[in-house]
Protein backbone atom coordinates (compact mmCIF):
# COMPACT_ATOMS: atom_id res chain seq x y z
CA MET A 1 0.27 -0.13 -0.17
CA THR A 2 1.81 3.52 -1.00
CA THR A 3 0.82 6.76 0.60
CA PRO A 4 0.32 9.74 -1.68
CA SER A 5 3.19 12.30 -1.25
CA ARG A 6 2.80 15.22 1.08
CA LEU A 7 5.19 17.35 -0.81
CA PRO A 8 4.16 19.21 -3.40
CA ASP A 9 5.61 18.49 -6.94
CA PRO A 10 8.74 20.23 -7.98
CA TYR A 11 8.30 23.39 -9.73
CA GLY A 12 8.14 23.02 -13.09
CA GLN A 13 6.41 19.82 -13.23
CA GLY A 14 2.92 20.36 -12.59
CA SER A 15 2.65 24.08 -12.51
CA GLY A 16 2.51 24.78 -16.57
CA ALA A 17 5.24 27.74 -16.10
CA ASN A 18 8.75 26.64 -16.97
CA LEU A 19 11.87 28.91 -16.76
CA ALA A 20 11.61 30.42 -20.46
CA ASP A 21 7.79 31.77 -19.20
CA ILE A 22 9.14 32.89 -16.08
CA LEU A 23 12.19 34.86 -17.76
CA GLU A 24 10.04 36.10 -20.49
CA ARG A 25 7.53 37.60 -17.83
CA VAL A 26 10.38 39.11 -16.12
CA LEU A 27 12.22 40.40 -19.06
CA ASP A 28 8.59 42.07 -20.31
CA LYS A 29 7.73 43.30 -16.83
CA GLY A 30 10.92 44.27 -15.16
CA ILE A 31 11.82 43.69 -11.76
CA VAL A 32 13.93 46.06 -9.39
CA ILE A 33 15.55 44.50 -6.46
CA ALA A 34 16.96 47.33 -3.65
CA GLY A 35 18.63 47.25 -0.51
CA ASP A 36 20.87 49.01 1.87
CA ILE A 37 24.29 47.99 3.59
CA ARG A 38 25.22 50.12 6.63
CA ILE A 39 28.11 49.49 8.91
CA ASN A 40 28.21 51.42 12.13
CA LEU A 41 30.58 51.35 14.91
CA LEU A 42 29.13 52.64 18.21
CA ASP A 43 26.43 54.52 16.42
CA ILE A 44 28.87 55.97 13.98
CA GLU A 45 28.23 55.25 10.34
CA LEU A 46 31.32 53.75 8.55
CA LEU A 47 30.40 52.35 5.41
CA THR A 48 26.70 52.52 3.44
CA ILE A 49 26.54 50.78 0.28
CA LYS A 50 23.23 51.12 -1.72
CA LEU A 51 22.71 48.22 -3.96
CA ARG A 52 20.14 48.50 -7.09
CA LEU A 53 19.34 45.76 -9.41
CA ILE A 54 17.22 45.94 -12.02
CA VAL A 55 16.36 43.18 -14.53
CA ALA A 56 14.60 43.61 -17.83
CA SER A 57 14.40 43.71 -21.34
CA VAL A 58 16.51 46.35 -23.27
CA ASP A 59 13.19 47.52 -24.91
CA LYS A 60 11.77 47.64 -21.18
CA ALA A 61 14.71 49.31 -19.88
CA LYS A 62 14.44 52.26 -22.87
CA GLU A 63 10.85 52.80 -21.71
CA MET A 64 11.80 53.22 -18.23
CA GLY A 65 14.70 56.14 -19.54
CA ILE A 66 17.32 53.59 -18.80
CA ASP A 67 19.67 54.10 -21.76
CA TRP A 68 23.62 54.21 -19.81
CA TRP A 69 25.25 51.52 -21.75
CA GLU A 70 24.60 53.56 -25.34
CA ASP A 71 27.16 56.54 -23.75
CA ASP A 72 29.54 54.05 -22.29
CA PRO A 73 32.56 53.41 -24.60
CA ALA A 74 33.36 50.20 -23.03
CA LEU A 75 30.04 48.86 -24.19
CA SER A 76 29.02 50.86 -27.32
CA THR A 77 30.88 51.11 -30.53
CA LYS A 78 29.05 54.12 -31.22
CA ALA A 79 29.86 55.83 -28.08
CA ARG A 80 33.78 54.60 -28.54
CA ARG A 81 33.52 56.18 -32.09
CA ASP A 82 31.99 59.53 -30.73
CA GLU A 83 34.80 59.72 -28.07
CA LEU A 84 37.57 58.69 -30.42
CA SER A 85 36.35 61.65 -33.05
CA ARG A 86 36.15 64.07 -29.55
CA GLU A 87 39.76 63.15 -28.64
CA ASN A 88 40.71 63.50 -32.39
CA ALA A 89 39.25 67.04 -32.62
CA GLU A 90 40.81 68.38 -29.38
CA LEU A 91 44.31 67.08 -30.56
CA ARG A 92 43.97 69.04 -34.11
CA GLU A 93 42.92 72.07 -32.10
CA ARG A 94 46.13 71.92 -29.66
CA LEU A 95 47.96 71.23 -32.51
CA ALA A 96 46.72 74.12 -34.58
CA ARG A 97 47.53 76.23 -31.60
CA LEU A 98 51.49 75.11 -31.30
CA GLU A 99 51.88 75.11 -35.14
CA GLN A 100 50.50 78.89 -34.77
CA LEU A 101 53.23 79.65 -31.65
CA GLU A 102 55.71 78.14 -33.58
CA PRO A 103 56.54 81.02 -36.20
CA ALA A 104 56.23 83.44 -33.34
CA ARG A 105 58.99 81.62 -31.51
CA ALA A 106 61.00 81.21 -34.91
CA GLU A 107 61.08 85.01 -35.28
CA GLU A 108 62.13 85.56 -31.85
CA GLU A 109 65.31 83.37 -32.59
CA ARG A 110 66.56 85.26 -35.76
CA SER A 111 66.42 88.88 -34.09
């Protein structure tokens, strides 16, 4: 004689939801996990760490106004090109100023 198990079925076997469905829901809706860690010694705050984690799809993040990766040169080739173009323009401007100073120095040395 067998007795029915009182333990629930493991997640995913009878529940109708699988990992892909859950992941799709989380990415579609987004999820925010927030927490603070504070270290005090004798009522003196030594360290505070604020943790914020957002898990969402890129489209959902953009809807929320989060797009910092687009301006980070380490993550975006467009941002890297923009940074290189800006740096190149600055260097050309510095070179032009130095070239303008050079004829004046050459004239001073002659006299």
